[in-house]
Amino acid sequence: MHISFALIALAAHLASVVRVLTYRKNGARHRYHVSWIAWVLVAVMGGSAIELALHAESADFFEAASAVLLALFVFGSRGNIARLLWRSES
């Protein structure tokens, strides 16, 4: 059972990393603090994915659920970390 939670969390982390790395700004302003936050987010999610790949037996339901929720938020904002941090004016 722990292996399935680990696979779910691993897939969610990898999908989030890929989505953030493939974000295209399409004319949006470049904000250095947001790019640093995005870099840290990719580093943490990538590290979590590596840790899950090496130690799959330590995964539980809450880790898988938090990874899936984070992936939903990242995909909901289409990889735009600034939209995750601040509300949209429109």
C-alpha atoms as a PDB file:
ATOM      1  CA  MET A   1       0.000   0.000   0.000  1.00  0.00           C
ATOM      2  CA  HIS A   2       2.860   2.381   0.728  1.00  0.00           C
ATOM      3  CA  ILE A   3       4.270   1.833  -2.748  1.00  0.00           C
ATOM      4  CA  SER A   4       1.056   3.079  -4.372  1.00  0.00           C
ATOM      5  CA  PHE A   5       1.119   6.234  -2.211  1.00  0.00           C
ATOM      6  CA  ALA A   6       4.756   6.743  -3.167  1.00  0.00           C
ATOM      7  CA  LEU A   7       3.996   6.353  -6.867  1.00  0.00           C
ATOM      8  CA  ILE A   8       1.107   8.809  -6.677  1.00  0.00           C
ATOM      9  CA  ALA A   9       3.222  11.379  -4.833  1.00  0.00           C
ATOM     10  CA  LEU A  10       6.172  10.815  -7.179  1.00  0.00           C
ATOM     11  CA  ALA A  11       3.998  11.331 -10.258  1.00  0.00           C
ATOM     12  CA  ALA A  12       2.433  14.471  -8.765  1.00  0.00           C
ATOM     13  CA  HIS A  13       5.826  15.968  -7.882  1.00  0.00           C
ATOM     14  CA  LEU A  14       7.286  15.215 -11.293  1.00  0.00           C
ATOM     15  CA  ALA A  15       4.240  16.609 -13.097  1.00  0.00           C
ATOM     16  CA  SER A  16       4.442  19.809 -11.032  1.00  0.00           C
ATOM     17  CA  VAL A  17       8.156  20.214 -11.715  1.00  0.00           C
ATOM     18  CA  VAL A  18       7.641  19.752 -15.449  1.00  0.00           C
ATOM     19  CA  ARG A  19       4.723  22.206 -15.471  1.00  0.00           C
ATOM     20  CA  VAL A  20       6.661  24.930 -13.654  1.00  0.00           C
ATOM     21  CA  LEU A  21       9.730  24.399 -15.848  1.00  0.00           C
ATOM     22  CA  THR A  22       7.683  24.621 -19.058  1.00  0.00           C
ATOM     23  CA  TYR A  23       5.838  27.821 -18.082  1.00  0.00           C
ATOM     24  CA  ARG A  24       5.854  30.482 -20.807  1.00  0.00           C
ATOM     25  CA  LYS A  25       5.325  34.018 -19.594  1.00  0.00           C
ATOM     26  CA  ASN A  26       3.831  35.392 -22.874  1.00  0.00           C
ATOM     27  CA  GLY A  27       4.527  39.039 -22.170  1.00  0.00           C
ATOM     28  CA  ALA A  28       4.200  38.915 -18.377  1.00  0.00           C
ATOM     29  CA  ARG A  29       6.663  40.915 -16.318  1.00  0.00           C
ATOM     30  CA  HIS A  30       9.738  39.157 -14.973  1.00  0.00           C
ATOM     31  CA  ARG A  31       9.790  39.326 -11.191  1.00  0.00           C
ATOM     32  CA  TYR A  32      13.023  38.196  -9.597  1.00  0.00           C
ATOM     33  CA  HIS A  33      11.483  37.263  -6.257  1.00  0.00           C
ATOM     34  CA  VAL A  34       8.854  35.098  -7.962  1.00  0.00           C
ATOM     35  CA  SER A  35      11.507  33.387 -10.072  1.00  0.00           C
ATOM     36  CA  TRP A  36      13.472  32.591  -6.896  1.00  0.00           C
ATOM     37  CA  ILE A  37      10.361  31.160  -5.280  1.00  0.00           C
ATOM     38  CA  ALA A  38       9.719  29.082  -8.402  1.00  0.00           C
ATOM     39  CA  TRP A  39      13.317  27.856  -8.330  1.00  0.00           C
ATOM     40  CA  VAL A  40      13.018  26.859  -4.665  1.00  0.00           C
ATOM     41  CA  LEU A  41       9.692  25.156  -5.359  1.00  0.00           C
ATOM     42  CA  VAL A  42      11.235  23.124  -8.203  1.00  0.00           C
ATOM     43  CA  ALA A  43      14.229  22.215  -6.029  1.00  0.00           C
ATOM     44  CA  VAL A  44      12.029  21.081  -3.137  1.00  0.00           C
ATOM     45  CA  MET A  45       9.633  19.110  -5.337  1.00  0.00           C
ATOM     46  CA  GLY A  46      12.537  17.546  -7.208  1.00  0.00           C
ATOM     47  CA  GLY A  47      14.214  16.616  -3.936  1.00  0.00           C
ATOM     48  CA  SER A  48      10.977  15.120  -2.673  1.00  0.00           C
ATOM     49  CA  ALA A  49      10.663  13.087  -5.866  1.00  0.00           C
ATOM     50  CA  ILE A  50      14.204  11.776  -5.477  1.00  0.00           C
ATOM     51  CA  GLU A  51      13.572  10.934  -1.819  1.00  0.00           C
ATOM     52  CA  LEU A  52      10.374   9.086  -2.734  1.00  0.00           C
ATOM     53  CA  ALA A  53      12.179   7.153  -5.452  1.00  0.00           C
ATOM     54  CA  LEU A  54      14.863   6.072  -2.969  1.00  0.00           C
ATOM     55  CA  HIS A  55      12.678   5.500   0.101  1.00  0.00           C
ATOM     56  CA  ALA A  56       9.231   4.538  -1.192  1.00  0.00           C
ATOM     57  CA  GLU A  57       8.274   2.669   1.980  1.00  0.00           C
ATOM     58  CA  SER A  58       8.196   5.908   3.990  1.00  0.00           C
ATOM     59  CA  ALA A  59       5.310   7.433   1.974  1.00  0.00           C
ATOM     60  CA  ASP A  60       1.864   7.691   3.510  1.00  0.00           C
ATOM     61  CA  PHE A  61      -1.563   8.976   2.537  1.00  0.00           C
ATOM     62  CA  PHE A  62      -0.968  12.548   3.696  1.00  0.00           C
ATOM     63  CA  GLU A  63       2.237  12.931   1.718  1.00  0.00           C
ATOM     64  CA  ALA A  64       0.514  11.678  -1.422  1.00  0.00           C
ATOM     65  CA  ALA A  65      -2.502  13.920  -0.805  1.00  0.00           C
ATOM     66  CA  SER A  66      -0.362  17.027  -0.262  1.00  0.00           C
ATOM     67  CA  ALA A  67       1.621  16.285  -3.443  1.00  0.00           C
ATOM     68  CA  VAL A  68      -1.582  15.900  -5.447  1.00  0.00           C
ATOM     69  CA  LEU A  69      -3.023  19.132  -4.016  1.00  0.00           C
ATOM     70  CA  LEU A  70       0.166  21.005  -4.848  1.00  0.00           C
ATOM     71  CA  ALA A  71       0.039  19.601  -8.383  1.00  0.00           C
ATOM     72  CA  LEU A  72      -3.596  20.704  -8.715  1.00  0.00           C
ATOM     73  CA  PHE A  73      -2.673  24.231  -7.610  1.00  0.00           C
ATOM     74  CA  VAL A  74       0.282  24.384 -10.015  1.00  0.00           C
ATOM     75  CA  PHE A  75      -1.771  23.110 -12.942  1.00  0.00           C
ATOM     76  CA  GLY A  76      -4.671  25.394 -11.983  1.00  0.00           C
ATOM     77  CA  SER A  77      -2.358  28.379 -12.260  1.00  0.00           C
ATOM     78  CA  ARG A  78      -0.906  26.934 -15.489  1.00  0.00           C
ATOM     79  CA  GLY A  79       2.582  26.923 -13.966  1.00  0.00           C
ATOM     80  CA  ASN A  80       2.467  30.632 -13.119  1.00  0.00           C
ATOM     81  CA  ILE A  81       3.872  30.824  -9.584  1.00  0.00           C
ATOM     82  CA  ALA A  82       2.945  34.503  -9.291  1.00  0.00           C
ATOM     83  CA  ARG A  83      -0.723  33.505  -9.646  1.00  0.00           C
ATOM     84  CA  LEU A  84      -0.252  31.068  -6.779  1.00  0.00           C
ATOM     85  CA  LEU A  85       1.135  33.822  -4.540  1.00  0.00           C
ATOM     86  CA  TRP A  86      -1.151  36.760  -5.352  1.00  0.00           C
ATOM     87  CA  ARG A  87      -4.744  37.020  -6.425  1.00  0.00           C
ATOM     88  CA  SER A  88      -5.582  38.082  -9.944  1.00  0.00           C
ATOM     89  CA  GLU A  89      -6.989  41.559 -10.547  1.00  0.00           C
ATOM     90  CA  SER A  90      -9.435  40.349 -13.192  1.00  0.00           C
END
